[in-house]
Protein backbone atom coordinates (compact mmCIF):
# COMPACT_ATOMS: atom_id res chain seq x y z
CA MET A 1 -12.74 1.63 -13.39
CA GLU A 2 -8.96 2.66 -13.30
CA GLY A 3 -6.28 0.23 -12.85
CA GLY A 4 -8.32 -2.74 -13.98
CA GLN A 5 -10.51 -2.96 -10.90
CA ALA A 6 -13.82 -3.83 -12.55
CA LYS A 7 -15.10 -4.71 -15.88
CA VAL A 8 -18.04 -3.34 -17.41
CA HIS A 9 -20.01 -5.72 -20.23
CA ASN A 10 -23.45 -5.46 -21.98
CA VAL A 11 -24.29 -2.03 -21.44
CA LYS A 12 -27.84 -0.85 -22.25
CA VAL A 13 -30.21 1.81 -21.90
CA ILE A 14 -33.67 1.15 -21.20
CA PRO A 15 -36.02 3.52 -23.31
CA ASN A 16 -38.87 5.10 -21.94
CA GLU A 17 -38.09 4.31 -18.35
CA ASP A 18 -37.54 7.28 -16.26
CA CYS A 19 -35.98 6.35 -12.94
CA VAL A 20 -35.20 10.07 -12.17
CA PRO A 21 -36.19 13.12 -14.05
CA LYS A 22 -33.95 13.79 -17.05
CA HIS A 23 -32.38 10.23 -16.43
CA LYS A 24 -32.77 6.99 -18.11
CA LEU A 25 -32.27 3.52 -16.73
CA LEU A 26 -28.90 2.07 -17.39
CA VAL A 27 -28.33 -1.67 -17.00
CA MET A 28 -24.95 -3.44 -17.33
CA ASP A 29 -23.11 -6.36 -16.12
CA MET A 30 -19.83 -5.89 -14.08
CA GLN A 31 -17.15 -8.26 -13.32
CA PHE A 32 -14.83 -7.36 -10.13
CA ASN A 33 -11.80 -8.57 -9.28
CA THR A 34 -11.57 -10.17 -5.89
CA THR A 35 -8.20 -10.38 -5.11
CA LYS A 36 -6.93 -10.73 -1.39
CA ARG A 37 -5.08 -7.84 -0.34
CA TRP A 38 -1.87 -9.05 1.90
CA HIS A 39 -0.85 -6.78 4.55
CA LYS A 40 2.66 -5.54 4.96
CA LYS A 41 4.72 -7.63 7.78
CA PHE A 42 4.24 -6.22 11.05
CA GLU A 43 7.57 -5.15 12.51
CA PRO A 44 7.60 -4.33 16.07
CA ARG A 45 8.62 -0.94 17.35
CA VAL A 46 11.75 -0.32 19.34
CA HIS A 47 11.22 -0.27 23.09
CA VAL A 48 13.71 2.28 24.30
CA TRP A 49 13.48 0.73 27.92
CA LYS A 50 14.53 -2.88 26.19
CA LEU A 51 17.85 -1.09 24.92
CA MET A 52 19.41 -1.76 28.28
CA GLU A 53 19.31 -5.53 27.62
CA LYS A 54 22.54 -6.87 26.03
CA HIS A 55 20.77 -8.72 22.95
CA THR A 56 18.38 -5.90 22.07
CA HIS A 57 21.07 -3.43 22.28
CA THR A 58 23.23 -5.49 20.16
CA HIS A 59 20.56 -6.39 17.41
CA THR A 60 19.53 -2.55 17.30
CA HIS A 61 23.07 -1.41 16.89
CA ASN A 62 23.59 -3.81 14.12
CA ARG A 63 20.41 -2.89 12.39
CA PHE A 64 21.02 0.99 12.46
CA THR A 65 24.72 0.40 11.44
CA ALA A 66 23.42 -1.70 8.52
CA LEU A 67 21.00 1.03 7.34
CA LEU A 68 23.71 3.72 7.65
CA GLU A 69 26.09 1.77 5.60
CA TYR A 70 23.21 1.67 3.00
CA VAL A 71 22.65 5.40 3.13
CA ARG A 72 26.35 6.30 2.69
CA ASP A 73 26.38 4.00 -0.35
CA TYR A 74 23.14 5.83 -1.86
CA PRO A 75 24.22 8.07 -4.76
CA GLY A 76 21.88 10.89 -3.18
CA GLU A 77 23.24 13.27 -0.48
CA GLN A 78 26.43 12.57 1.09
CA VAL A 79 26.25 11.51 4.87
CA PRO A 80 29.20 13.22 6.88
CA GLU A 81 31.50 10.79 8.39
CA ARG A 82 31.68 10.68 12.13
C-alpha cells in the first residue's frame, strides 16, 4: 500500500485451488501500522453575541490584528492599507 500503511510478506499462490472461476487462492502475511491519529486541537468558533463583552472584544481584536500583520508581511499579494 502507498505511504507505508501496510507491509506484505510471504505471498504464495496455492495451485489447483479455484476459489472463483479464473482466479487462484492467494495467501500472504500482512503487517499493518497501528499508529494512533491525533486530532487537530479544537478551537471554539467566534460567538458574535459575545463580542459586546469587553474581554472577548479585546481578545478577538488582538487576534485579527496579529493575523492582518502576518498577511501583510507575507510575500504574496499585497493587502491595501486602511
